[in-house]
Amino acid sequence: MNPKVDFFFSKAKKWQEEFEKLRMIILDCGLTEELKWGQPCYTFQKRNIVLIHGFKEYCAILFFKGALLNDPNGILIQQTENVQATRQVRFINIRQIVKMEPILKAYIYEAIEVEKAGLKVSFKKTSDFIIPEEFQKKLSAKGGHTLKTAFYALTPGRQRAYIFYFSQPKQSKTRESRVEKCMQQILNGKGLND
C-alpha cells in the first residue's frame, strides 16, 4: 500500500467500501500502487495495468489495455464508441465485487501477461476517422488552406478531439456552429481543451 494513495480512500464519500475491496484484490495480484490523475493506479514494472475510479452511478476498475483482454465473462465495457484501448468493469455494490473476486484476479493476471508480452493496442489513425462535411467544407473552401495547414499541424490526438466534437451533434446547423467557434483556436495551434 502506498501512503500517498490512502487519502483517496479516506476522502471517498461514496463507494468507500467498494474501493477498499477493489484495492485489496488488485494489491493481492502483486501490482504497485501509485496515484495518477488523482486516482489509485496499479502498475507492473512502471506500466499502467488498472485504475480504480468512481462515478455517480457506479464505481469501476479500468484496464488500460482492456481491448486486448479475453472477455469470456462478458464484463468488459467500452465507455464510449471512441474509446480504443481501455475497458471498464463496473460495480454498484460490494456484493458484486466479492462475488467476482476470482474473475477479477484472472483478468488482472491476464492484463499483466499482456504487458509482459509487450502487446500494443493498434489505434485507428486520425485519417481513419470521417471528417464531418461541415468542417470539410471549411478546409476545402477558398482561403481554407491556412485552416487546413493549421489543423494538420496539430497532434493526432487534438485532431481527433476536434473531429469527435464536430461530429457529435445530429443537426448540421449545430455542427457548423461548432466549427465556426473553433476555427480561431485551430488557427492558433490550440487543441479543443487547451
Protein backbone atom coordinates (compact mmCIF):
# COMPACT_ATOMS: atom_id res chain seq x y z
CA MET A 1 0.00 0.00 0.00
CA ASN A 2 1.19 3.45 -0.89
CA PRO A 3 0.52 6.10 1.80
CA LYS A 4 0.15 8.73 -0.94
CA VAL A 5 -2.92 6.85 -2.14
CA ASP A 6 -4.51 6.49 1.31
CA PHE A 7 -6.07 9.96 1.12
CA PHE A 8 -8.11 8.88 -1.95
CA PHE A 9 -9.70 6.07 0.02
CA SER A 10 -10.22 8.08 3.21
CA LYS A 11 -11.82 11.07 1.42
CA ALA A 12 -14.21 8.92 -0.64
CA LYS A 13 -17.76 9.66 0.46
CA LYS A 14 -19.35 7.25 -1.96
CA TRP A 15 -18.06 3.78 -2.83
CA GLN A 16 -15.58 3.72 0.08
CA GLU A 17 -16.23 0.06 0.96
CA GLU A 18 -16.15 -0.93 -2.72
CA PHE A 19 -12.89 0.98 -3.32
CA GLU A 20 -11.21 -0.70 -0.34
CA LYS A 21 -12.22 -4.17 -1.57
CA LEU A 22 -11.00 -3.44 -5.11
CA ARG A 23 -7.74 -2.14 -3.66
CA MET A 24 -7.18 -5.39 -1.72
CA ILE A 25 -7.97 -7.55 -4.75
CA ILE A 26 -5.60 -5.62 -7.00
CA LEU A 27 -2.76 -5.45 -4.45
CA ASP A 28 -3.17 -9.19 -3.91
CA CYS A 29 -2.14 -9.59 -7.57
CA GLY A 30 1.29 -8.10 -6.84
CA LEU A 31 0.89 -4.73 -8.56
CA THR A 32 2.48 -1.47 -7.39
CA GLU A 33 0.09 1.17 -6.11
CA GLU A 34 0.53 4.76 -7.30
CA LEU A 35 -1.55 7.92 -7.51
CA LYS A 36 -2.06 9.11 -11.09
CA TRP A 37 -4.64 11.59 -12.34
CA GLY A 38 -5.87 11.77 -8.73
CA GLN A 39 -6.89 8.08 -8.86
CA PRO A 40 -5.33 4.88 -7.48
CA CYS A 41 -3.40 3.39 -10.38
CA TYR A 42 -1.74 -0.02 -10.29
CA THR A 43 1.38 -0.71 -12.30
CA PHE A 44 3.65 -3.58 -13.28
CA GLN A 45 7.27 -2.54 -13.93
CA LYS A 46 6.14 1.11 -14.17
CA ARG A 47 3.49 0.29 -16.78
CA ASN A 48 -0.16 1.09 -16.08
CA ILE A 49 -2.34 -2.00 -15.71
CA VAL A 50 -5.52 -0.99 -13.89
CA LEU A 51 -7.07 2.07 -12.25
CA ILE A 52 -9.88 2.46 -9.71
CA HIS A 53 -12.40 5.23 -10.23
CA GLY A 54 -15.89 6.18 -9.15
CA PHE A 55 -18.83 7.83 -10.82
CA LYS A 56 -22.28 8.85 -9.65
CA GLU A 57 -23.99 5.65 -10.76
CA TYR A 58 -21.17 3.13 -10.34
CA CYS A 59 -17.55 2.54 -9.39
CA ALA A 60 -15.19 0.73 -11.70
CA ILE A 61 -11.79 -0.65 -12.44
CA LEU A 62 -10.31 0.40 -15.74
CA PHE A 63 -7.94 -1.86 -17.67
CA PHE A 64 -5.56 0.29 -19.72
CA LYS A 65 -5.20 -2.37 -22.43
CA GLY A 66 -8.62 -3.90 -21.89
CA ALA A 67 -9.23 -4.18 -25.63
CA LEU A 68 -6.52 -6.86 -25.72
CA LEU A 69 -8.01 -8.99 -22.95
CA ASN A 70 -10.14 -12.06 -23.50
CA ASP A 71 -13.58 -11.45 -22.02
CA PRO A 72 -15.17 -14.90 -21.53
CA ASN A 73 -17.47 -13.47 -18.83
CA GLY A 74 -18.62 -10.50 -20.94
CA ILE A 75 -17.83 -7.98 -18.18
CA LEU A 76 -15.59 -5.52 -20.03
CA ILE A 77 -17.31 -2.30 -21.06
CA GLN A 78 -16.13 0.16 -23.69
CA GLN A 79 -17.06 3.53 -22.15
CA THR A 80 -17.87 5.23 -25.45
CA GLU A 81 -17.60 4.22 -29.10
CA ASN A 82 -14.47 6.38 -29.46
CA VAL A 83 -12.52 4.67 -26.66
CA GLN A 84 -9.98 2.41 -28.33
CA ALA A 85 -7.81 0.75 -25.66
CA THR A 86 -9.36 0.90 -22.20
CA ARG A 87 -12.20 -1.19 -20.84
CA GLN A 88 -14.10 -0.95 -17.55
CA VAL A 89 -15.63 -3.42 -15.17
CA ARG A 90 -18.45 -1.64 -13.32
CA PHE A 91 -19.95 -2.27 -9.89
CA ILE A 92 -22.90 -0.88 -7.99
CA ASN A 93 -22.31 -2.64 -4.65
CA ILE A 94 -19.76 -4.55 -2.60
CA ARG A 95 -21.56 -7.89 -3.11
CA GLN A 96 -20.82 -7.79 -6.85
CA ILE A 97 -17.12 -7.24 -6.18
CA VAL A 98 -16.90 -10.05 -3.60
CA LYS A 99 -18.73 -12.43 -5.95
CA MET A 100 -16.46 -11.53 -8.87
CA GLU A 101 -13.13 -11.58 -6.99
CA PRO A 102 -11.71 -14.74 -8.69
CA ILE A 103 -12.79 -13.47 -12.13
CA LEU A 104 -11.29 -10.02 -11.49
CA LYS A 105 -8.00 -11.58 -10.42
CA ALA A 106 -7.93 -13.71 -13.57
CA TYR A 107 -8.45 -10.58 -15.71
CA ILE A 108 -5.74 -8.68 -13.77
CA TYR A 109 -3.27 -11.55 -14.20
CA GLU A 110 -4.06 -11.65 -17.92
CA ALA A 111 -3.51 -7.87 -18.14
CA ILE A 112 -0.09 -8.36 -16.52
CA GLU A 113 0.74 -11.07 -19.08
CA VAL A 114 -0.34 -8.74 -21.92
CA GLU A 115 2.12 -6.17 -20.54
CA LYS A 116 4.92 -8.73 -20.08
CA ALA A 117 4.44 -9.81 -23.70
CA GLY A 118 4.77 -6.19 -24.82
CA LEU A 119 1.45 -6.28 -26.69
CA LYS A 120 0.18 -2.96 -28.01
CA VAL A 121 -3.30 -1.78 -28.92
CA SER A 122 -3.39 -0.82 -32.59
CA PHE A 123 -5.04 2.57 -32.65
CA LYS A 124 -7.00 3.91 -35.58
CA LYS A 125 -5.11 6.65 -37.39
CA THR A 126 -6.65 10.10 -37.48
CA SER A 127 -7.08 9.61 -41.23
CA ASP A 128 -9.39 6.64 -40.48
CA PHE A 129 -11.95 8.97 -38.90
CA ILE A 130 -14.53 10.68 -41.08
CA ILE A 131 -14.25 14.45 -41.08
CA PRO A 132 -17.76 15.93 -40.85
CA GLU A 133 -18.98 17.59 -44.04
CA GLU A 134 -19.31 20.99 -42.36
CA PHE A 135 -15.63 21.00 -41.37
CA GLN A 136 -14.50 19.51 -44.68
CA LYS A 137 -16.19 22.45 -46.49
CA LYS A 138 -14.16 24.94 -44.41
CA LEU A 139 -10.94 23.05 -45.12
CA SER A 140 -11.68 22.95 -48.86
CA ALA A 141 -13.10 26.47 -49.19
CA LYS A 142 -11.28 29.33 -50.84
CA GLY A 143 -8.79 30.50 -48.23
CA GLY A 144 -9.22 27.24 -46.31
CA HIS A 145 -5.59 26.31 -46.97
CA THR A 146 -4.44 28.15 -43.82
CA LEU A 147 -7.02 26.34 -41.70
CA LYS A 148 -6.11 23.00 -43.27
CA THR A 149 -2.39 23.58 -42.61
CA ALA A 150 -3.10 24.61 -39.01
CA PHE A 151 -5.38 21.60 -38.41
CA TYR A 152 -2.89 19.05 -39.75
CA ALA A 153 -0.10 20.69 -37.74
CA LEU A 154 -1.98 19.73 -34.54
CA THR A 155 -1.12 16.49 -32.78
CA PRO A 156 -3.20 13.48 -33.89
CA GLY A 157 -4.99 13.45 -30.52
CA ARG A 158 -6.02 17.10 -30.90
CA GLN A 159 -7.20 16.45 -34.45
CA ARG A 160 -9.34 13.53 -33.26
CA ALA A 161 -10.79 15.62 -30.41
CA TYR A 162 -11.98 18.23 -32.92
CA ILE A 163 -13.34 15.57 -35.30
CA PHE A 164 -15.32 13.94 -32.45
CA TYR A 165 -16.56 17.30 -31.19
CA PHE A 166 -17.67 18.43 -34.65
CA SER A 167 -19.31 15.06 -35.40
CA GLN A 168 -21.41 14.75 -32.23
CA PRO A 169 -24.43 16.98 -32.99
CA LYS A 170 -27.23 15.49 -35.04
CA GLN A 171 -28.11 18.78 -36.76
CA SER A 172 -25.89 20.21 -39.45
CA LYS A 173 -26.52 23.73 -38.15
CA THR A 174 -25.05 22.80 -34.75
CA ARG A 175 -22.05 21.10 -36.35
CA GLU A 176 -21.49 24.23 -38.46
CA SER A 177 -21.70 26.44 -35.37
CA ARG A 178 -19.11 24.32 -33.55
CA VAL A 179 -16.72 24.52 -36.50
CA GLU A 180 -17.13 28.31 -36.65
CA LYS A 181 -16.46 28.69 -32.93
CA CYS A 182 -13.30 26.57 -33.06
CA MET A 183 -11.68 27.90 -36.23
CA GLN A 184 -9.62 30.60 -34.50
CA GLN A 185 -8.46 28.17 -31.85
CA ILE A 186 -7.27 25.76 -34.57
CA LEU A 187 -5.52 28.63 -36.38
CA ASN A 188 -3.80 29.47 -33.08
CA GLY A 189 -2.48 25.90 -32.90
CA LYS A 190 -4.58 25.06 -29.87
CA GLY A 191 -6.43 21.85 -29.08
CA LEU A 192 -10.09 21.75 -28.15
CA ASN A 193 -9.33 21.75 -24.42
CA ASP A 194 -6.19 23.93 -24.38
